[in-house]
C-alpha cells in the first residue's frame, strides 16, 4: 500500500507528527520536494530548517 506514491508532506527528522510510513532523506531531495510544491509539516517546519523560503 502506497508503494511508488509521491510524498504528501515533508517532515524534519525529529518531528512527532510523522507516521510509520515516513522514510529518511538527505537535505537536497527534501529541498527539491518542497520546490515542487510538496507541503512542509506545520509542526516541525523543515522548510525553515533547510532554509527554503516560500
Protein backbone atom coordinates (compact mmCIF):
# COMPACT_ATOMS: atom_id res chain seq x y z
CA UNK A 1 0.00 0.00 0.00
CA UNK A 2 1.46 3.32 -1.04
CA UNK A 3 4.50 1.87 -2.83
CA UNK A 4 5.60 4.26 -5.56
CA UNK A 5 3.24 7.03 -4.47
CA UNK A 6 4.68 10.52 -4.13
CA UNK A 7 5.18 12.01 -0.67
CA UNK A 8 2.31 14.05 0.72
CA UNK A 9 4.27 16.09 3.26
CA UNK A 10 7.88 16.82 4.23
CA UNK A 11 8.91 16.48 7.89
CA UNK A 12 12.08 17.16 9.88
CA UNK A 13 13.79 14.08 11.30
CA UNK A 14 12.68 14.72 14.86
CA UNK A 15 9.03 15.52 14.08
CA UNK A 16 6.47 13.91 16.35
CA UNK A 17 3.77 14.16 13.67
CA UNK A 18 5.32 11.55 11.38
CA UNK A 19 3.69 8.22 10.73
CA UNK A 20 5.01 4.71 10.31
CA UNK A 21 5.48 5.14 6.57
CA UNK A 22 7.97 8.00 6.70
CA UNK A 23 11.40 7.40 5.25
CA UNK A 24 14.54 9.44 5.88
CA UNK A 25 16.10 11.50 3.11
CA UNK A 26 19.01 13.88 2.75
CA UNK A 27 18.57 17.63 2.55
CA UNK A 28 18.82 18.04 -1.24
CA UNK A 29 15.93 15.71 -2.18
CA UNK A 30 13.82 17.37 0.50
CA UNK A 31 14.57 20.81 -0.96
CA UNK A 32 13.51 19.51 -4.38
CA UNK A 33 10.23 18.16 -2.98
CA UNK A 34 9.50 21.49 -1.30
CA UNK A 35 10.33 23.33 -4.55
CA UNK A 36 7.87 21.07 -6.43
CA UNK A 37 5.10 22.05 -4.05
CA UNK A 38 5.04 19.19 -1.54
CA UNK A 39 3.87 20.92 1.64
CA UNK A 40 6.05 21.22 4.72
CA UNK A 41 4.74 19.99 8.06
CA UNK A 42 3.26 22.88 10.03
CA UNK A 43 4.60 21.45 13.29
CA UNK A 44 8.30 20.88 12.58
CA UNK A 45 8.75 23.34 9.66
CA UNK A 46 11.50 21.55 7.71
CA UNK A 47 11.39 24.31 5.10
CA UNK A 48 12.66 26.76 7.72
CA UNK A 49 15.31 24.33 8.95
CA UNK A 50 16.55 23.80 5.38
CA UNK A 51 16.49 27.50 4.55
CA UNK A 52 13.80 27.14 1.88
CA UNK A 53 11.64 30.22 1.58
CA UNK A 54 8.19 30.08 0.08
